[in-house]
Amino acid sequence: MKVEKSNPQKNPEHEPDYRFTLANERTFLAWIRTALALLAGAVAIVHLAPEFTVPGARKLLAGVLAVISIASVAGSALRWHGSQKAMRCDAPLPSTLMPWLLALGVVVVGLLVLVLTTVFGDT
């Protein structure tokens, strides 16, 4: 009797190795922690940082951090879902620009802070 091997392409509900599923979940949770840290930074800037000489600078920085946080949460959910779907279908994992976008966002915030503190900061 010949046993037919299951073809995951025909069965999109193929259950991947649980270790890969859990690793995917850990990655998702790491992105969520990053987003929470960015959001905490936004709240801290608004409530704890001294006022810059540029009106609205604190709110601008906090807003940029909050937008990066929201984008990280949305991107991480999409990434988790895409990776899970790919694993279930034995397909290649989808590529993502999220690390590059997050790095760019943090560089922008860092440059804003640098300019605001060195050029417009109180002396």
PDB file of N, CA and C in Angstrom:
ATOM      1  N   MET A   1       0.840  -1.178   0.000  1.00  0.00           N
ATOM      2  CA  MET A   1       0.000   0.000   0.000  1.00  0.00           C
ATOM      3  C   MET A   1       0.889   1.247   0.000  1.00  0.00           C
ATOM      4  N   LYS A   2       0.617   2.120  -0.938  1.00  0.00           N
ATOM      5  CA  LYS A   2       1.396   3.340  -1.073  1.00  0.00           C
ATOM      6  C   LYS A   2       0.729   4.451  -0.257  1.00  0.00           C
ATOM      7  N   VAL A   3       1.525   5.087   0.611  1.00  0.00           N
ATOM      8  CA  VAL A   3       1.009   6.174   1.432  1.00  0.00           C
ATOM      9  C   VAL A   3       1.332   7.474   0.713  1.00  0.00           C
ATOM     10  N   GLU A   4       0.310   8.265   0.458  1.00  0.00           N
ATOM     11  CA  GLU A   4       0.495   9.533  -0.236  1.00  0.00           C
ATOM     12  C   GLU A   4       0.901  10.604   0.757  1.00  0.00           C
ATOM     13  N   LYS A   5       1.982  11.277   0.434  1.00  0.00           N
ATOM     14  CA  LYS A   5       2.473  12.354   1.286  1.00  0.00           C
ATOM     15  C   LYS A   5       1.555  13.564   1.155  1.00  0.00           C
ATOM     16  N   SER A   6       1.282  14.190   2.285  1.00  0.00           N
ATOM     17  CA  SER A   6       0.410  15.367   2.287  1.00  0.00           C
ATOM     18  C   SER A   6       1.083  16.517   1.544  1.00  0.00           C
ATOM     19  N   ASN A   7       0.348  17.131   0.660  1.00  0.00           N
ATOM     20  CA  ASN A   7       0.863  18.281  -0.076  1.00  0.00           C
ATOM     21  C   ASN A   7       0.313  19.547   0.559  1.00  0.00           C
ATOM     22  N   PRO A   8       1.191  20.354   1.223  1.00  0.00           N
ATOM     23  CA  PRO A   8       0.707  21.556   1.898  1.00  0.00           C
ATOM     24  C   PRO A   8       0.106  22.587   0.950  1.00  0.00           C
ATOM     25  N   GLN A   9       0.508  22.555  -0.335  1.00  0.00           N
ATOM     26  CA  GLN A   9      -0.072  23.502  -1.283  1.00  0.00           C
ATOM     27  C   GLN A   9      -1.556  23.226  -1.469  1.00  0.00           C
ATOM     28  N   LYS A  10      -1.937  21.963  -1.368  1.00  0.00           N
ATOM     29  CA  LYS A  10      -3.349  21.609  -1.493  1.00  0.00           C
ATOM     30  C   LYS A  10      -4.100  21.803  -0.178  1.00  0.00           C
ATOM     31  N   ASN A  11      -3.354  21.827   0.920  1.00  0.00           N
ATOM     32  CA  ASN A  11      -3.969  21.932   2.237  1.00  0.00           C
ATOM     33  C   ASN A  11      -3.415  23.171   2.946  1.00  0.00           C
ATOM     34  N   PRO A  12      -4.078  24.302   2.808  1.00  0.00           N
ATOM     35  CA  PRO A  12      -3.562  25.518   3.436  1.00  0.00           C
ATOM     36  C   PRO A  12      -3.637  25.476   4.958  1.00  0.00           C
ATOM     37  N   GLU A  13      -4.267  24.471   5.513  1.00  0.00           N
ATOM     38  CA  GLU A  13      -4.357  24.347   6.966  1.00  0.00           C
ATOM     39  C   GLU A  13      -3.265  23.433   7.516  1.00  0.00           C
ATOM     40  N   HIS A  14      -2.234  23.174   6.709  1.00  0.00           N
ATOM     41  CA  HIS A  14      -1.091  22.379   7.144  1.00  0.00           C
ATOM     42  C   HIS A  14      -0.504  23.023   8.394  1.00  0.00           C
ATOM     43  N   GLU A  15      -0.355  22.252   9.440  1.00  0.00           N
ATOM     44  CA  GLU A  15       0.163  22.781  10.701  1.00  0.00           C
ATOM     45  C   GLU A  15       1.686  22.716  10.689  1.00  0.00           C
ATOM     46  N   PRO A  16       2.361  23.868  10.751  1.00  0.00           N
ATOM     47  CA  PRO A  16       3.827  23.849  10.757  1.00  0.00           C
ATOM     48  C   PRO A  16       4.348  23.349  12.103  1.00  0.00           C
ATOM     49  N   ASP A  17       5.611  23.071  12.152  1.00  0.00           N
ATOM     50  CA  ASP A  17       6.262  22.679  13.396  1.00  0.00           C
ATOM     51  C   ASP A  17       5.987  23.766  14.435  1.00  0.00           C
ATOM     52  N   TYR A  18       5.557  23.357  15.606  1.00  0.00           N
ATOM     53  CA  TYR A  18       5.152  24.337  16.618  1.00  0.00           C
ATOM     54  C   TYR A  18       6.299  25.264  17.017  1.00  0.00           C
ATOM     55  N   ARG A  19       7.538  24.816  16.886  1.00  0.00           N
ATOM     56  CA  ARG A  19       8.670  25.677  17.240  1.00  0.00           C
ATOM     57  C   ARG A  19       8.735  26.909  16.334  1.00  0.00           C
ATOM     58  N   PHE A  20       8.401  26.725  15.061  1.00  0.00           N
ATOM     59  CA  PHE A  20       8.406  27.854  14.135  1.00  0.00           C
ATOM     60  C   PHE A  20       7.255  28.810  14.440  1.00  0.00           C
ATOM     61  N   THR A  21       6.117  28.246  14.792  1.00  0.00           N
ATOM     62  CA  THR A  21       4.966  29.076  15.158  1.00  0.00           C
ATOM     63  C   THR A  21       5.281  29.902  16.406  1.00  0.00           C
ATOM     64  N   LEU A  22       5.902  29.262  17.395  1.00  0.00           N
ATOM     65  CA  LEU A  22       6.248  29.982  18.622  1.00  0.00           C
ATOM     66  C   LEU A  22       7.342  31.025  18.378  1.00  0.00           C
ATOM     67  N   ALA A  23       8.291  30.713  17.507  1.00  0.00           N
ATOM     68  CA  ALA A  23       9.327  31.699  17.164  1.00  0.00           C
ATOM     69  C   ALA A  23       8.694  32.902  16.464  1.00  0.00           C
ATOM     70  N   ASN A  24       7.732  32.649  15.594  1.00  0.00           N
ATOM     71  CA  ASN A  24       7.019  33.730  14.919  1.00  0.00           C
ATOM     72  C   ASN A  24       6.284  34.597  15.944  1.00  0.00           C
ATOM     73  N   GLU A  25       5.695  33.950  16.924  1.00  0.00           N
ATOM     74  CA  GLU A  25       4.981  34.688  17.971  1.00  0.00           C
ATOM     75  C   GLU A  25       5.953  35.514  18.819  1.00  0.00           C
ATOM     76  N   ARG A  26       7.121  34.960  19.140  1.00  0.00           N
ATOM     77  CA  ARG A  26       8.114  35.716  19.917  1.00  0.00           C
ATOM     78  C   ARG A  26       8.586  36.952  19.151  1.00  0.00           C
ATOM     79  N   THR A  27       8.760  36.795  17.848  1.00  0.00           N
ATOM     80  CA  THR A  27       9.159  37.937  17.028  1.00  0.00           C
ATOM     81  C   THR A  27       8.075  39.013  17.054  1.00  0.00           C
ATOM     82  N   PHE A  28       6.826  38.589  16.920  1.00  0.00           N
ATOM     83  CA  PHE A  28       5.692  39.520  16.994  1.00  0.00           C
ATOM     84  C   PHE A  28       5.704  40.257  18.336  1.00  0.00           C
ATOM     85  N   LEU A  29       5.894  39.524  19.414  1.00  0.00           N
ATOM     86  CA  LEU A  29       5.896  40.147  20.738  1.00  0.00           C
ATOM     87  C   LEU A  29       7.076  41.106  20.910  1.00  0.00           C
ATOM     88  N   ALA A  30       8.209  40.810  20.289  1.00  0.00           N
ATOM     89  CA  ALA A  30       9.351  41.734  20.341  1.00  0.00           C
ATOM     90  C   ALA A  30       9.010  43.049  19.647  1.00  0.00           C
ATOM     91  N   TRP A  31       8.310  42.966  18.509  1.00  0.00           N
ATOM     92  CA  TRP A  31       7.879  44.185  17.817  1.00  0.00           C
ATOM     93  C   TRP A  31       6.891  44.969  18.691  1.00  0.00           C
ATOM     94  N   ILE A  32       6.014  44.266  19.386  1.00  0.00           N
ATOM     95  CA  ILE A  32       5.044  44.934  20.257  1.00  0.00           C
ATOM     96  C   ILE A  32       5.768  45.630  21.406  1.00  0.00           C
ATOM     97  N   ARG A  33       6.783  44.982  21.987  1.00  0.00           N
ATOM     98  CA  ARG A  33       7.559  45.630  23.054  1.00  0.00           C
ATOM     99  C   ARG A  33       8.253  46.892  22.536  1.00  0.00           C
ATOM    100  N   THR A  34       8.776  46.818  21.339  1.00  0.00           N
ATOM    101  CA  THR A  34       9.416  47.983  20.739  1.00  0.00           C
ATOM    102  C   THR A  34       8.405  49.119  20.570  1.00  0.00           C
ATOM    103  N   ALA A  35       7.212  48.773  20.090  1.00  0.00           N
ATOM    104  CA  ALA A  35       6.163  49.781  19.902  1.00  0.00           C
ATOM    105  C   ALA A  35       5.755  50.398  21.238  1.00  0.00           C
ATOM    106  N   LEU A  36       5.649  49.590  22.281  1.00  0.00           N
ATOM    107  CA  LEU A  36       5.296  50.117  23.607  1.00  0.00           C
ATOM    108  C   LEU A  36       6.388  51.046  24.136  1.00  0.00           C
ATOM    109  N   ALA A  37       7.644  50.697  23.891  1.00  0.00           N
ATOM    110  CA  ALA A  37       8.750  51.560  24.326  1.00  0.00           C
ATOM    111  C   ALA A  37       8.710  52.900  23.589  1.00  0.00           C
ATOM    112  N   LEU A  38       8.412  52.868  22.293  1.00  0.00           N
ATOM    113  CA  LEU A  38       8.293  54.110  21.532  1.00  0.00           C
ATOM    114  C   LEU A  38       7.143  54.965  22.055  1.00  0.00           C
ATOM    115  N   LEU A  39       6.032  54.327  22.363  1.00  0.00           N
ATOM    116  CA  LEU A  39       4.882  55.053  22.896  1.00  0.00           C
ATOM    117  C   LEU A  39       5.185  55.626  24.277  1.00  0.00           C
ATOM    118  N   ALA A  40       5.889  54.855  25.115  1.00  0.00           N
ATOM    119  CA  ALA A  40       6.284  55.363  26.435  1.00  0.00           C
ATOM    120  C   ALA A  40       7.216  56.564  26.276  1.00  0.00           C
ATOM    121  N   GLY A  41       8.096  56.512  25.284  1.00  0.00           N
ATOM    122  CA  GLY A  41       8.970  57.654  25.014  1.00  0.00           C
ATOM    123  C   GLY A  41       8.179  58.886  24.612  1.00  0.00           C
ATOM    124  N   ALA A  42       7.134  58.677  23.818  1.00  0.00           N
ATOM    125  CA  ALA A  42       6.281  59.799  23.407  1.00  0.00           C
ATOM    126  C   ALA A  42       5.613  60.445  24.612  1.00  0.00           C
ATOM    127  N   VAL A  43       5.084  59.618  25.490  1.00  0.00           N
ATOM    128  CA  VAL A  43       4.427  60.144  26.695  1.00  0.00           C
ATOM    129  C   VAL A  43       5.444  60.859  27.582  1.00  0.00           C
ATOM    130  N   ALA A  44       6.633  60.277  27.730  1.00  0.00           N
ATOM    131  CA  ALA A  44       7.665  60.890  28.568  1.00  0.00           C
ATOM    132  C   ALA A  44       8.093  62.242  28.022  1.00  0.00           C
ATOM    133  N   ILE A  45       8.235  62.351  26.710  1.00  0.00           N
ATOM    134  CA  ILE A  45       8.648  63.638  26.125  1.00  0.00           C
ATOM    135  C   ILE A  45       7.606  64.710  26.393  1.00  0.00           C
ATOM    136  N   VAL A  46       6.344  64.380  26.247  1.00  0.00           N
ATOM    137  CA  VAL A  46       5.286  65.372  26.457  1.00  0.00           C
ATOM    138  C   VAL A  46       5.204  65.790  27.922  1.00  0.00           C
ATOM    139  N   HIS A  47       5.353  64.833  28.823  1.00  0.00           N
ATOM    140  CA  HIS A  47       5.099  65.135  30.232  1.00  0.00           C
ATOM    141  C   HIS A  47       6.351  65.410  31.064  1.00  0.00           C
ATOM    142  N   LEU A  48       7.514  64.965  30.625  1.00  0.00           N
ATOM    143  CA  LEU A  48       8.694  65.097  31.481  1.00  0.00           C
ATOM    144  C   LEU A  48       9.808  65.958  30.897  1.00  0.00           C
ATOM    145  N   ALA A  49       9.890  66.069  29.597  1.00  0.00           N
ATOM    146  CA  ALA A  49      10.973  66.847  28.985  1.00  0.00           C
ATOM    147  C   ALA A  49      10.712  68.343  29.146  1.00  0.00           C
ATOM    148  N   PRO A  50      11.794  69.093  29.366  1.00  0.00           N
ATOM    149  CA  PRO A  50      11.599  70.553  29.456  1.00  0.00           C
ATOM    150  C   PRO A  50      11.199  71.119  28.097  1.00  0.00           C
ATOM    151  N   GLU A  51      10.563  72.259  28.137  1.00  0.00           N
ATOM    152  CA  GLU A  51      10.102  72.910  26.907  1.00  0.00           C
ATOM    153  C   GLU A  51      11.304  73.401  26.099  1.00  0.00           C
ATOM    154  N   PHE A  52      11.265  73.189  24.797  1.00  0.00           N
ATOM    155  CA  PHE A  52      12.297  73.724  23.906  1.00  0.00           C
ATOM    156  C   PHE A  52      11.923  75.165  23.553  1.00  0.00           C
ATOM    157  N   THR A  53      12.883  75.886  23.016  1.00  0.00           N
ATOM    158  CA  THR A  53      12.579  77.259  22.602  1.00  0.00           C
ATOM    159  C   THR A  53      11.732  77.281  21.336  1.00  0.00           C
ATOM    160  N   VAL A  54      11.667  76.170  20.642  1.00  0.00           N
ATOM    161  CA  VAL A  54      10.811  76.059  19.458  1.00  0.00           C
ATOM    162  C   VAL A  54       9.422  75.631  19.930  1.00  0.00           C
ATOM    163  N   PRO A  55       8.405  76.453  19.712  1.00  0.00           N
ATOM    164  CA  PRO A  55       7.057  76.094  20.170  1.00  0.00           C
ATOM    165  C   PRO A  55       6.564  74.808  19.494  1.00  0.00           C
ATOM    166  N   GLY A  56       6.009  73.922  20.290  1.00  0.00           N
ATOM    167  CA  GLY A  56       5.432  72.694  19.768  1.00  0.00           C
ATOM    168  C   GLY A  56       6.431  71.592  19.459  1.00  0.00           C
ATOM    169  N   ALA A  57       7.709  71.793  19.787  1.00  0.00           N
ATOM    170  CA  ALA A  57       8.732  70.789  19.462  1.00  0.00           C
ATOM    171  C   ALA A  57       8.499  69.489  20.223  1.00  0.00           C
ATOM    172  N   ARG A  58       8.130  69.600  21.492  1.00  0.00           N
ATOM    173  CA  ARG A  58       7.868  68.376  22.270  1.00  0.00           C
ATOM    174  C   ARG A  58       6.719  67.587  21.666  1.00  0.00           C
ATOM    175  N   LYS A  59       5.662  68.287  21.298  1.00  0.00           N
ATOM    176  CA  LYS A  59       4.511  67.595  20.712  1.00  0.00           C
ATOM    177  C   LYS A  59       4.869  66.978  19.368  1.00  0.00           C
ATOM    178  N   LEU A  60       5.702  67.649  18.596  1.00  0.00           N
ATOM    179  CA  LEU A  60       6.147  67.100  17.316  1.00  0.00           C
ATOM    180  C   LEU A  60       6.942  65.811  17.529  1.00  0.00           C
ATOM    181  N   LEU A  61       7.901  65.845  18.451  1.00  0.00           N
ATOM    182  CA  LEU A  61       8.689  64.647  18.741  1.00  0.00           C
ATOM    183  C   LEU A  61       7.801  63.508  19.240  1.00  0.00           C
ATOM    184  N   ALA A  62       6.909  63.827  20.155  1.00  0.00           N
ATOM    185  CA  ALA A  62       6.011  62.808  20.690  1.00  0.00           C
ATOM    186  C   ALA A  62       5.111  62.253  19.589  1.00  0.00           C
ATOM    187  N   GLY A  63       4.637  63.115  18.726  1.00  0.00           N
ATOM    188  CA  GLY A  63       3.793  62.667  17.617  1.00  0.00           C
ATOM    189  C   GLY A  63       4.527  61.736  16.671  1.00  0.00           C
ATOM    190  N   VAL A  64       5.776  62.073  16.357  1.00  0.00           N
ATOM    191  CA  VAL A  64       6.568  61.203  15.473  1.00  0.00           C
ATOM    192  C   VAL A  64       6.785  59.842  16.138  1.00  0.00           C
ATOM    193  N   LEU A  65       7.118  59.838  17.425  1.00  0.00           N
ATOM    194  CA  LEU A  65       7.293  58.572  18.133  1.00  0.00           C
ATOM    195  C   LEU A  65       6.000  57.761  18.169  1.00  0.00           C
ATOM    196  N   ALA A  66       4.881  58.429  18.388  1.00  0.00           N
ATOM    197  CA  ALA A  66       3.595  57.723  18.429  1.00  0.00           C
ATOM    198  C   ALA A  66       3.254  57.134  17.066  1.00  0.00           C
ATOM    199  N   VAL A  67       3.522  57.862  15.995  1.00  0.00           N
ATOM    200  CA  VAL A  67       3.256  57.345  14.641  1.00  0.00           C
ATOM    201  C   VAL A  67       4.135  56.134  14.356  1.00  0.00           C
ATOM    202  N   ILE A  68       5.416  56.208  14.740  1.00  0.00           N
ATOM    203  CA  ILE A  68       6.307  55.069  14.544  1.00  0.00           C
ATOM    204  C   ILE A  68       5.803  53.870  15.351  1.00  0.00           C
ATOM    205  N   SER A  69       5.316  54.121  16.560  1.00  0.00           N
ATOM    206  CA  SER A  69       4.770  53.055  17.402  1.00  0.00           C
ATOM    207  C   SER A  69       3.564  52.384  16.748  1.00  0.00           C
ATOM    208  N   ILE A  70       2.648  53.186  16.264  1.00  0.00           N
ATOM    209  CA  ILE A  70       1.447  52.646  15.610  1.00  0.00           C
ATOM    210  C   ILE A  70       1.822  51.864  14.357  1.00  0.00           C
ATOM    211  N   ALA A  71       2.753  52.393  13.582  1.00  0.00           N
ATOM    212  CA  ALA A  71       3.200  51.694  12.371  1.00  0.00           C
ATOM    213  C   ALA A  71       3.870  50.372  12.730  1.00  0.00           C
ATOM    214  N   SER A  72       4.618  50.336  13.832  1.00  0.00           N
ATOM    215  CA  SER A  72       5.267  49.099  14.264  1.00  0.00           C
ATOM    216  C   SER A  72       4.246  48.043  14.657  1.00  0.00           C
ATOM    217  N   VAL A  73       3.204  48.459  15.344  1.00  0.00           N
ATOM    218  CA  VAL A  73       2.158  47.508  15.741  1.00  0.00           C
ATOM    219  C   VAL A  73       1.450  46.956  14.507  1.00  0.00           C
ATOM    220  N   ALA A  74       1.060  47.840  13.602  1.00  0.00           N
ATOM    221  CA  ALA A  74       0.364  47.395  12.389  1.00  0.00           C
ATOM    222  C   ALA A  74       1.268  46.505  11.541  1.00  0.00           C
ATOM    223  N   GLY A  75       2.510  46.929  11.354  1.00  0.00           N
ATOM    224  CA  GLY A  75       3.440  46.135  10.561  1.00  0.00           C
ATOM    225  C   GLY A  75       3.740  44.788  11.175  1.00  0.00           C
ATOM    226  N   SER A  76       3.851  44.746  12.498  1.00  0.00           N
ATOM    227  CA  SER A  76       4.149  43.472  13.152  1.00  0.00           C
ATOM    228  C   SER A  76       2.984  42.497  13.029  1.00  0.00           C
ATOM    229  N   ALA A  77       1.772  43.002  13.107  1.00  0.00           N
ATOM    230  CA  ALA A  77       0.610  42.121  12.946  1.00  0.00           C
ATOM    231  C   ALA A  77       0.547  41.571  11.522  1.00  0.00           C
ATOM    232  N   LEU A  78       0.803  42.425  10.544  1.00  0.00           N
ATOM    233  CA  LEU A  78       0.804  41.969   9.152  1.00  0.00           C
ATOM    234  C   LEU A  78       1.939  40.983   8.908  1.00  0.00           C
ATOM    235  N   ARG A  79       3.089  41.258   9.466  1.00  0.00           N
ATOM    236  CA  ARG A  79       4.247  40.361   9.311  1.00  0.00           C
ATOM    237  C   ARG A  79       3.958  39.015   9.955  1.00  0.00           C
ATOM    238  N   TRP A  80       3.414  39.016  11.170  1.00  0.00           N
ATOM    239  CA  TRP A  80       3.095  37.757  11.859  1.00  0.00           C
ATOM    240  C   TRP A  80       2.132  36.932  11.007  1.00  0.00           C
ATOM    241  N   HIS A  81       1.075  37.574  10.519  1.00  0.00           N
ATOM    242  CA  HIS A  81       0.069  36.861   9.729  1.00  0.00           C
ATOM    243  C   HIS A  81       0.681  36.307   8.437  1.00  0.00           C
ATOM    244  N   GLY A  82       1.470  37.112   7.746  1.00  0.00           N
ATOM    245  CA  GLY A  82       2.098  36.661   6.503  1.00  0.00           C
ATOM    246  C   GLY A  82       3.052  35.505   6.724  1.00  0.00           C
ATOM    247  N   SER A  83       3.830  35.570   7.799  1.00  0.00           N
ATOM    248  CA  SER A  83       4.766  34.491   8.104  1.00  0.00           C
ATOM    249  C   SER A  83       4.027  33.214   8.477  1.00  0.00           C
ATOM    250  N   GLN A  84       2.972  33.364   9.266  1.00  0.00           N
ATOM    251  CA  GLN A  84       2.194  32.190   9.675  1.00  0.00           C
ATOM    252  C   GLN A  84       1.563  31.522   8.454  1.00  0.00           C
ATOM    253  N   LYS A  85       1.013  32.321   7.567  1.00  0.00           N
ATOM    254  CA  LYS A  85       0.386  31.798   6.356  1.00  0.00           C
ATOM    255  C   LYS A  85       1.425  31.097   5.478  1.00  0.00           C
ATOM    256  N   ALA A  86       2.595  31.710   5.333  1.00  0.00           N
ATOM    257  CA  ALA A  86       3.651  31.109   4.520  1.00  0.00           C
ATOM    258  C   ALA A  86       4.106  29.777   5.116  1.00  0.00           C
ATOM    259  N   MET A  87       4.238  29.713   6.431  1.00  0.00           N
ATOM    260  CA  MET A  87       4.657  28.459   7.065  1.00  0.00           C
ATOM    261  C   MET A  87       3.608  27.368   6.866  1.00  0.00           C
ATOM    262  N   ARG A  88       2.350  27.733   6.932  1.00  0.00           N
ATOM    263  CA  ARG A  88       1.282  26.743   6.749  1.00  0.00           C
ATOM    264  C   ARG A  88       1.233  26.208   5.321  1.00  0.00           C
ATOM    265  N   CYS A  89       1.686  26.995   4.368  1.00  0.00           N
ATOM    266  CA  CYS A  89       1.667  26.586   2.958  1.00  0.00           C
ATOM    267  C   CYS A  89       3.041  26.137   2.465  1.00  0.00           C
ATOM    268  N   ASP A  90       4.011  26.026   3.373  1.00  0.00           N
ATOM    269  CA  ASP A  90       5.391  25.688   3.005  1.00  0.00           C
ATOM    270  C   ASP A  90       5.917  26.600   1.908  1.00  0.00           C
ATOM    271  N   ALA A  91       5.597  27.873   2.008  1.00  0.00           N
ATOM    272  CA  ALA A  91       6.044  28.876   1.039  1.00  0.00           C
ATOM    273  C   ALA A  91       7.194  29.671   1.653  1.00  0.00           C
ATOM    274  N   PRO A  92       7.949  30.386   0.830  1.00  0.00           N
ATOM    275  CA  PRO A  92       9.005  31.238   1.390  1.00  0.00           C
ATOM    276  C   PRO A  92       8.405  32.321   2.286  1.00  0.00           C
ATOM    277  N   LEU A  93       9.138  32.678   3.312  1.00  0.00           N
ATOM    278  CA  LEU A  93       8.664  33.737   4.199  1.00  0.00           C
ATOM    279  C   LEU A  93       8.676  35.064   3.453  1.00  0.00           C
ATOM    280  N   PRO A  94       7.686  35.907   3.685  1.00  0.00           N
ATOM    281  CA  PRO A  94       7.644  37.198   2.989  1.00  0.00           C
ATOM    282  C   PRO A  94       8.756  38.118   3.501  1.00  0.00           C
ATOM    283  N   SER A  95       9.261  38.938   2.613  1.00  0.00           N
ATOM    284  CA  SER A  95      10.265  39.916   3.031  1.00  0.00           C
ATOM    285  C   SER A  95       9.542  41.111   3.647  1.00  0.00           C
ATOM    286  N   THR A  96      10.310  41.911   4.378  1.00  0.00           N
ATOM    287  CA  THR A  96       9.716  43.066   5.031  1.00  0.00           C
ATOM    288  C   THR A  96      10.699  44.224   5.067  1.00  0.00           C
ATOM    289  N   LEU A  97      10.155  45.415   5.020  1.00  0.00           N
ATOM    290  CA  LEU A  97      10.954  46.630   5.157  1.00  0.00           C
ATOM    291  C   LEU A  97      10.889  47.187   6.578  1.00  0.00           C
ATOM    292  N   MET A  98      10.159  46.499   7.454  1.00  0.00           N
ATOM    293  CA  MET A  98       9.930  47.041   8.800  1.00  0.00           C
ATOM    294  C   MET A  98      11.213  47.414   9.548  1.00  0.00           C
ATOM    295  N   PRO A  99      12.253  46.575   9.585  1.00  0.00           N
ATOM    296  CA  PRO A  99      13.452  46.994  10.324  1.00  0.00           C
ATOM    297  C   PRO A  99      14.070  48.267   9.763  1.00  0.00           C
ATOM    298  N   TRP A 100      14.066  48.404   8.446  1.00  0.00           N
ATOM    299  CA  TRP A 100      14.626  49.598   7.822  1.00  0.00           C
ATOM    300  C   TRP A 100      13.775  50.826   8.139  1.00  0.00           C
ATOM    301  N   LEU A 101      12.458  50.679   8.083  1.00  0.00           N
ATOM    302  CA  LEU A 101      11.574  51.809   8.373  1.00  0.00           C
ATOM    303  C   LEU A 101      11.666  52.226   9.835  1.00  0.00           C
ATOM    304  N   LEU A 102      11.742  51.236  10.716  1.00  0.00           N
ATOM    305  CA  LEU A 102      11.878  51.546  12.142  1.00  0.00           C
ATOM    306  C   LEU A 102      13.204  52.262  12.391  1.00  0.00           C
ATOM    307  N   ALA A 103      14.273  51.761  11.799  1.00  0.00           N
ATOM    308  CA  ALA A 103      15.579  52.402  11.968  1.00  0.00           C
ATOM    309  C   ALA A 103      15.552  53.833  11.432  1.00  0.00           C
ATOM    310  N   LEU A 104      14.940  54.028  10.280  1.00  0.00           N
ATOM    311  CA  LEU A 104      14.829  55.369   9.710  1.00  0.00           C
ATOM    312  C   LEU A 104      14.049  56.296  10.636  1.00  0.00           C
ATOM    313  N   GLY A 105      12.932  55.805  11.176  1.00  0.00           N
ATOM    314  CA  GLY A 105      12.131  56.618  12.088  1.00  0.00           C
ATOM    315  C   GLY A 105      12.894  57.013  13.334  1.00  0.00           C
ATOM    316  N   VAL A 106      13.650  56.082  13.902  1.00  0.00           N
ATOM    317  CA  VAL A 106      14.417  56.386  15.108  1.00  0.00           C
ATOM    318  C   VAL A 106      15.567  57.344  14.784  1.00  0.00           C
ATOM    319  N   VAL A 107      16.175  57.201  13.614  1.00  0.00           N
ATOM    320  CA  VAL A 107      17.223  58.145  13.201  1.00  0.00           C
ATOM    321  C   VAL A 107      16.636  59.547  13.061  1.00  0.00           C
ATOM    322  N   VAL A 108      15.459  59.663  12.464  1.00  0.00           N
ATOM    323  CA  VAL A 108      14.809  60.970  12.312  1.00  0.00           C
ATOM    324  C   VAL A 108      14.545  61.592  13.681  1.00  0.00           C
ATOM    325  N   VAL A 109      14.015  60.800  14.605  1.00  0.00           N
ATOM    326  CA  VAL A 109      13.756  61.317  15.952  1.00  0.00           C
ATOM    327  C   VAL A 109      15.062  61.724  16.616  1.00  0.00           C
ATOM    328  N   GLY A 110      16.083  60.897  16.473  1.00  0.00           N
ATOM    329  CA  GLY A 110      17.385  61.227  17.061  1.00  0.00           C
ATOM    330  C   GLY A 110      17.956  62.523  16.505  1.00  0.00           C
ATOM    331  N   LEU A 111      17.841  62.710  15.195  1.00  0.00           N
ATOM    332  CA  LEU A 111      18.326  63.950  14.585  1.00  0.00           C
ATOM    333  C   LEU A 111      17.519  65.159  15.058  1.00  0.00           C
ATOM    334  N   LEU A 112      16.204  64.990  15.178  1.00  0.00           N
ATOM    335  CA  LEU A 112      15.368  66.081  15.698  1.00  0.00           C
ATOM    336  C   LEU A 112      15.785  66.463  17.119  1.00  0.00           C
ATOM    337  N   VAL A 113      16.009  65.469  17.957  1.00  0.00           N
ATOM    338  CA  VAL A 113      16.428  65.736  19.332  1.00  0.00           C
ATOM    339  C   VAL A 113      17.790  66.417  19.340  1.00  0.00           C
ATOM    340  N   LEU A 114      18.703  65.935  18.510  1.00  0.00           N
ATOM    341  CA  LEU A 114      20.037  66.530  18.434  1.00  0.00           C
ATOM    342  C   LEU A 114      19.964  68.001  18.024  1.00  0.00           C
ATOM    343  N   VAL A 115      19.195  68.298  16.995  1.00  0.00           N
ATOM    344  CA  VAL A 115      19.063  69.680  16.527  1.00  0.00           C
ATOM    345  C   VAL A 115      18.377  70.541  17.583  1.00  0.00           C
ATOM    346  N   LEU A 116      17.310  70.033  18.169  1.00  0.00           N
ATOM    347  CA  LEU A 116      16.576  70.823  19.152  1.00  0.00           C
ATOM    348  C   LEU A 116      17.411  71.104  20.392  1.00  0.00           C
ATOM    349  N   THR A 117      18.220  70.142  20.819  1.00  0.00           N
ATOM    350  CA  THR A 117      19.005  70.366  22.043  1.00  0.00           C
ATOM    351  C   THR A 117      20.256  71.185  21.791  1.00  0.00           C
ATOM    352  N   THR A 118      20.892  71.021  20.641  1.00  0.00           N
ATOM    353  CA  THR A 118      22.128  71.760  20.398  1.00  0.00           C
ATOM    354  C   THR A 118      21.886  73.155  19.827  1.00  0.00           C
ATOM    355  N   VAL A 119      20.912  73.281  18.950  1.00  0.00           N
ATOM    356  CA  VAL A 119      20.683  74.571  18.313  1.00  0.00           C
ATOM    357  C   VAL A 119      19.682  75.414  19.093  1.00  0.00           C
ATOM    358  N   PHE A 120      18.601  74.793  19.520  1.00  0.00           N
ATOM    359  CA  PHE A 120      17.523  75.552  20.146  1.00  0.00           C
ATOM    360  C   PHE A 120      17.390  75.320  21.647  1.00  0.00           C
ATOM    361  N   GLY A 121      18.278  74.535  22.230  1.00  0.00           N
ATOM    362  CA  GLY A 121      18.194  74.240  23.665  1.00  0.00           C
ATOM    363  C   GLY A 121      18.583  75.443  24.513  1.00  0.00           C
ATOM    364  N   ASP A 122      18.139  75.433  25.764  1.00  0.00           N
ATOM    365  CA  ASP A 122      18.502  76.502  26.692  1.00  0.00           C
ATOM    366  C   ASP A 122      19.972  76.361  27.075  1.00  0.00           C
ATOM    367  N   THR A 123      20.634  77.489  27.167  1.00  0.00           N
ATOM    368  CA  THR A 123      22.057  77.466  27.573  1.00  0.00           C
ATOM    369  C   THR A 123      22.253  78.153  28.889  1.00  0.00           C
TER     370      THR A 123
END
